[in-house]
Amino acid sequence: MNLHKCLLRLKINKITLKTHKNTLMTSREKIDLNTIGGRITFLRRLVGITRPDIEAKYGFKETTLYSYECGRKPITSNGLNKCLTIFRNEGIIVTEEWLKFGQGPDPVINADKTSLIIGKSSSSFLSNKEIDIVQEIEFFKSIYPDLLFHFVNNAEMSPQFNAGDYIAGSYFTNEEYLKEMDSFHNIDCIIVLSSGEQIFRKIIVDSNKNYSFNCNNPSVAKDPFLYNLTIKKIAPVIFHRIKTKEEFIKLKQKNTVST
């Protein structure tokens, strides 16, 4: 894969990117997009976020990310999913296929790094499904300015929500949540913890006002039940975008059987 070609397609070949040492990088810098480490480095520098920034914001250890970028350590499935989540949260539309193998649609950076925007330059090489998803997200953002967006990257909330789904909700602050805690009982929510980590869980509130964040599929979760964590924001899911027709049909069949 040619780096210059990729930069041209992303329409950012004239933008300088900062590294963790604050040295300026240009499109002439040699980054090997034929390796997964090179692609991770490329996306990280594309949005101007450092490894320490990523550790502070997402809890992804700087040393682990460095080892992935340098090729010193093979990336795990969990590490790959974390990278996808981080870059998508930072405003890049990127597929697992591209990050893992360098194949499929090229990644697309947001025009302002704060909202997902489809324009003429990007629509020519995005799939119709990706365009539809992004346009729907933009529509919901226009209605709900306080929308919290989340990309589902695991099976912890399956079968209702599966990896590849996009969800969103209008968020409440921690103070608002504590006042109305009972109304959140048994509701699927996007949660931003005090650490900055964003998770997706079902809220369970007991009679003593203790609460837990539970997953629907505990067999695949490292910590299926999280108790009384301090939150910054919480958003009940009001938007659920299933990526493919096949997944929608499968989900409908499961729900029909369960009822």
Protein backbone atom coordinates (compact mmCIF):
# COMPACT_ATOMS: atom_id res chain seq x y z
CA MET A 1 0.00 0.00 0.00
CA ASN A 2 1.32 3.42 -0.98
CA LEU A 3 1.34 5.95 1.87
CA HIS A 4 1.24 8.98 -0.40
CA LYS A 5 -1.78 7.57 -2.26
CA CYS A 6 -3.56 6.91 1.02
CA LEU A 7 -2.84 10.44 2.23
CA LEU A 8 -4.17 11.90 -0.98
CA ARG A 9 -7.37 9.90 -0.68
CA LEU A 10 -7.77 11.17 2.87
CA LYS A 11 -7.28 14.72 1.60
CA ILE A 12 -4.73 15.51 4.29
CA ASN A 13 -1.44 15.34 2.40
CA LYS A 14 -0.69 18.99 3.31
CA ILE A 15 -1.42 18.64 7.03
CA THR A 16 1.50 18.16 9.42
CA LEU A 17 1.15 15.60 12.19
CA LYS A 18 2.69 15.70 15.68
CA THR A 19 4.51 12.84 17.34
CA HIS A 20 4.95 12.36 21.09
CA LYS A 21 8.22 14.32 20.80
CA ASN A 22 6.42 17.23 19.11
CA THR A 23 8.48 16.89 15.97
CA LEU A 24 6.65 17.66 12.75
CA MET A 25 5.85 14.78 10.49
CA THR A 26 4.81 15.19 6.86
CA SER A 27 3.42 12.91 4.21
CA ARG A 28 7.02 12.17 3.22
CA GLU A 29 7.74 10.36 6.48
CA LYS A 30 8.35 6.67 5.97
CA ILE A 31 5.55 4.72 7.61
CA ASP A 32 5.13 1.15 6.40
CA LEU A 33 1.42 0.67 5.76
CA ASN A 34 2.11 -2.94 4.83
CA THR A 35 2.39 -3.75 8.56
CA ILE A 36 -0.30 -3.55 11.19
CA GLY A 37 2.07 -1.58 13.43
CA GLY A 38 2.59 0.97 10.67
CA ARG A 39 -1.13 1.33 10.14
CA ILE A 40 -1.71 1.89 13.87
CA THR A 41 1.06 4.51 13.93
CA PHE A 42 -0.38 6.17 10.84
CA LEU A 43 -3.89 6.49 12.32
CA ARG A 44 -2.61 7.67 15.69
CA ARG A 45 -0.54 10.42 14.12
CA LEU A 46 -3.35 11.24 11.74
CA VAL A 47 -5.49 12.52 14.62
CA GLY A 48 -2.52 13.95 16.51
CA ILE A 49 -2.87 11.82 19.63
CA THR A 50 0.15 10.53 21.53
CA ARG A 51 0.60 7.17 23.23
CA PRO A 52 0.57 8.82 26.69
CA ASP A 53 -2.65 10.59 25.68
CA ILE A 54 -4.22 7.27 24.72
CA GLU A 55 -3.20 5.67 28.01
CA ALA A 56 -4.62 8.59 30.01
CA LYS A 57 -7.86 8.75 28.04
CA TYR A 58 -8.58 5.09 27.31
CA GLY A 59 -6.45 3.07 29.74
CA PHE A 60 -4.48 1.44 26.91
CA LYS A 61 -0.92 1.06 28.20
CA GLU A 62 1.63 3.16 26.34
CA THR A 63 4.22 0.36 26.42
CA THR A 64 1.79 -2.13 24.89
CA LEU A 65 0.81 0.25 22.10
CA TYR A 66 4.48 1.01 21.41
CA SER A 67 5.24 -2.71 21.12
CA TYR A 68 2.39 -3.12 18.63
CA GLU A 69 3.52 -0.15 16.54
CA CYS A 70 7.13 -1.31 16.44
CA GLY A 71 6.21 -4.92 15.70
CA ARG A 72 7.91 -6.17 18.85
CA LYS A 73 4.73 -7.88 19.99
CA PRO A 74 1.99 -9.50 17.87
CA ILE A 75 -1.29 -7.69 18.34
CA THR A 76 -4.00 -9.67 20.12
CA SER A 77 -7.66 -9.77 19.13
CA ASN A 78 -8.47 -7.70 22.22
CA GLY A 79 -5.72 -5.21 21.35
CA LEU A 80 -7.04 -4.88 17.81
CA ASN A 81 -10.57 -4.18 19.05
CA LYS A 82 -9.26 -1.58 21.50
CA CYS A 83 -7.36 0.18 18.72
CA LEU A 84 -10.47 0.21 16.51
CA THR A 85 -12.56 1.67 19.31
CA ILE A 86 -9.96 4.35 20.11
CA PHE A 87 -9.57 5.51 16.52
CA ARG A 88 -13.32 5.53 15.89
CA ASN A 89 -13.88 7.53 19.06
CA GLU A 90 -11.19 9.94 17.86
CA GLY A 91 -13.10 10.51 14.63
CA ILE A 92 -11.76 8.04 12.09
CA ILE A 93 -13.94 5.68 10.10
CA VAL A 94 -11.81 2.57 9.79
CA THR A 95 -12.67 -1.07 9.22
CA GLU A 96 -11.17 -4.06 11.01
CA GLU A 97 -10.15 -5.42 7.61
CA TRP A 98 -8.05 -2.36 6.84
CA LEU A 99 -6.37 -2.16 10.24
CA LYS A 100 -5.63 -5.88 10.38
CA PHE A 101 -4.75 -6.62 6.75
CA GLY A 102 -4.47 -3.27 4.96
CA GLN A 103 -7.36 -4.26 2.69
CA GLY A 104 -10.80 -2.86 1.95
CA PRO A 105 -11.92 0.80 2.11
CA ASP A 106 -9.28 3.28 3.19
CA PRO A 107 -9.86 5.02 6.54
CA VAL A 108 -11.60 8.38 6.47
CA ILE A 109 -10.81 11.20 8.85
CA ASN A 110 -13.48 13.63 10.03
CA ALA A 111 -13.29 17.09 8.54
CA ASP A 112 -13.09 18.66 12.00
CA LYS A 113 -12.20 15.59 14.11
CA THR A 114 -15.36 16.10 16.15
CA SER A 115 -18.19 14.85 13.98
CA LEU A 116 -18.56 12.21 11.30
CA ILE A 117 -19.11 13.95 7.99
CA ILE A 118 -19.64 12.41 4.58
CA GLY A 119 -18.62 14.64 1.70
CA LYS A 120 -18.00 14.20 -1.99
CA SER A 121 -14.35 13.38 -1.43
CA SER A 122 -15.03 10.53 0.96
CA SER A 123 -18.24 9.08 -0.43
CA SER A 124 -16.44 7.89 -3.55
CA PHE A 125 -14.51 5.23 -1.65
CA LEU A 126 -16.74 4.47 1.35
CA SER A 127 -19.17 1.56 1.10
CA ASN A 128 -22.86 2.42 0.87
CA LYS A 129 -23.43 0.80 4.26
CA GLU A 130 -20.80 2.97 5.93
CA ILE A 131 -22.23 6.09 4.30
CA ASP A 132 -25.75 5.22 5.47
CA ILE A 133 -24.52 4.63 9.01
CA VAL A 134 -22.62 7.91 9.21
CA GLN A 135 -25.49 9.91 7.72
CA GLU A 136 -27.90 8.42 10.23
CA ILE A 137 -25.52 9.28 13.08
CA GLU A 138 -25.28 12.87 11.82
CA PHE A 139 -29.08 13.07 11.67
CA PHE A 140 -29.39 11.96 15.27
CA LYS A 141 -26.67 14.41 16.32
CA SER A 142 -28.63 17.25 14.73
CA ILE A 143 -31.65 16.31 16.86
CA TYR A 144 -29.76 15.50 20.05
CA PRO A 145 -26.75 17.84 20.57
CA ASP A 146 -25.79 15.92 23.72
CA LEU A 147 -25.60 12.61 21.87
CA LEU A 148 -23.07 10.07 23.15
CA PHE A 149 -21.87 7.71 20.43
CA HIS A 150 -20.41 4.21 20.89
CA PHE A 151 -19.10 1.48 18.59
CA VAL A 152 -19.81 -2.05 19.87
CA ASN A 153 -16.61 -4.06 19.56
CA ASN A 154 -17.38 -7.26 21.48
CA ALA A 155 -20.13 -9.79 22.27
CA GLU A 156 -20.70 -8.79 25.91
CA MET A 157 -24.16 -7.40 25.14
CA SER A 158 -25.18 -10.04 22.61
CA PRO A 159 -27.54 -11.27 21.27
CA GLN A 160 -29.27 -7.87 21.21
CA PHE A 161 -26.06 -5.97 20.40
CA ASN A 162 -23.16 -7.44 18.44
CA ALA A 163 -19.67 -6.42 17.37
CA GLY A 164 -19.93 -3.97 14.50
CA ASP A 165 -23.14 -2.31 15.73
CA TYR A 166 -23.33 1.43 16.31
CA ILE A 167 -25.33 2.83 19.23
CA ALA A 168 -26.00 6.24 20.68
CA GLY A 169 -27.93 7.95 23.43
CA SER A 170 -28.61 11.37 24.91
CA TYR A 171 -26.48 11.57 28.04
CA PHE A 172 -27.12 12.52 31.66
CA THR A 173 -24.47 13.79 34.07
CA ASN A 174 -23.56 11.82 37.17
CA GLU A 175 -25.60 14.22 39.32
CA GLU A 176 -28.66 13.79 37.11
CA TYR A 177 -28.23 10.03 37.12
CA LEU A 178 -28.05 9.81 40.93
CA LYS A 179 -31.27 11.82 41.26
CA GLU A 180 -33.16 9.61 38.83
CA MET A 181 -31.36 6.33 39.48
CA ASP A 182 -34.47 4.14 39.68
CA SER A 183 -35.54 5.11 36.18
CA PHE A 184 -32.28 3.64 34.80
CA HIS A 185 -32.96 0.16 36.20
CA ASN A 186 -32.68 -2.59 33.58
CA ILE A 187 -31.78 -0.09 30.83
CA ASP A 188 -28.95 -0.57 28.31
CA CYS A 189 -26.65 2.43 28.64
CA ILE A 190 -23.44 3.91 27.27
CA ILE A 191 -21.36 4.87 30.32
CA VAL A 192 -18.36 7.18 30.56
CA LEU A 193 -16.49 6.38 33.77
CA SER A 194 -14.58 8.91 35.85
CA SER A 195 -11.37 7.47 34.38
CA GLY A 196 -12.56 8.47 30.90
CA GLU A 197 -13.15 4.87 29.82
CA GLN A 198 -16.37 4.33 27.89
CA ILE A 199 -18.31 1.08 28.33
CA PHE A 200 -21.66 -0.32 27.28
CA ARG A 201 -23.69 -2.21 29.91
CA LYS A 202 -27.15 -2.79 31.37
CA ILE A 203 -27.84 -0.86 34.59
CA ILE A 204 -29.25 -2.79 37.54
CA VAL A 205 -30.39 -0.82 40.62
CA ASP A 206 -31.44 -2.58 43.82
CA SER A 207 -33.77 -1.41 46.60
CA ASN A 208 -30.83 0.03 48.56
CA LYS A 209 -29.78 2.26 45.65
CA ASN A 210 -26.74 0.13 44.93
CA TYR A 211 -26.14 -0.26 41.23
CA SER A 212 -24.16 -2.50 38.93
CA PHE A 213 -23.21 -2.46 35.27
CA ASN A 214 -23.99 -5.91 33.87
CA CYS A 215 -23.48 -7.55 30.49
CA ASN A 216 -26.03 -9.73 28.71
CA ASN A 217 -23.49 -12.41 27.85
CA PRO A 218 -21.32 -12.97 30.96
CA SER A 219 -19.55 -16.00 29.47
CA VAL A 220 -17.44 -13.77 27.21
CA ALA A 221 -16.73 -10.94 29.66
CA LYS A 222 -13.66 -10.64 31.86
CA ASP A 223 -15.70 -8.68 34.43
CA PRO A 224 -19.39 -9.41 33.74
CA PHE A 225 -20.59 -7.39 36.76
CA LEU A 226 -19.14 -4.00 37.69
CA TYR A 227 -20.32 -2.45 40.94
CA ASN A 228 -20.85 1.18 42.00
CA LEU A 229 -18.28 2.71 39.68
CA THR A 230 -18.13 6.50 39.52
CA ILE A 231 -19.45 7.84 36.26
CA LYS A 232 -19.13 11.12 34.39
CA LYS A 233 -21.90 10.58 31.84
CA ILE A 234 -24.54 7.95 31.18
CA ALA A 235 -26.71 7.61 28.08
CA PRO A 236 -29.66 5.23 27.67
CA VAL A 237 -29.51 3.79 24.15
CA ILE A 238 -31.99 5.46 21.79
CA PHE A 239 -30.22 4.64 18.51
CA HIS A 240 -29.09 1.18 17.43
CA ARG A 241 -27.65 0.65 13.96
CA ILE A 242 -27.14 -2.98 12.93
CA LYS A 243 -24.59 -3.03 10.16
CA THR A 244 -25.90 -5.76 7.86
CA LYS A 245 -29.25 -7.19 6.79
CA GLU A 246 -28.01 -10.66 7.72
CA GLU A 247 -27.36 -9.60 11.31
CA PHE A 248 -30.79 -7.95 11.50
CA ILE A 249 -32.55 -11.10 10.27
CA LYS A 250 -30.59 -13.25 12.73
CA LEU A 251 -31.46 -10.93 15.61
CA LYS A 252 -35.15 -10.88 14.62
CA GLN A 253 -35.21 -14.68 14.52
CA LYS A 254 -33.62 -14.93 17.98
CA ASN A 255 -36.12 -12.46 19.43
CA THR A 256 -39.03 -14.37 17.86
CA VAL A 257 -37.84 -17.64 19.39
CA SER A 258 -37.32 -16.05 22.82
CA THR A 259 -40.84 -14.65 22.90
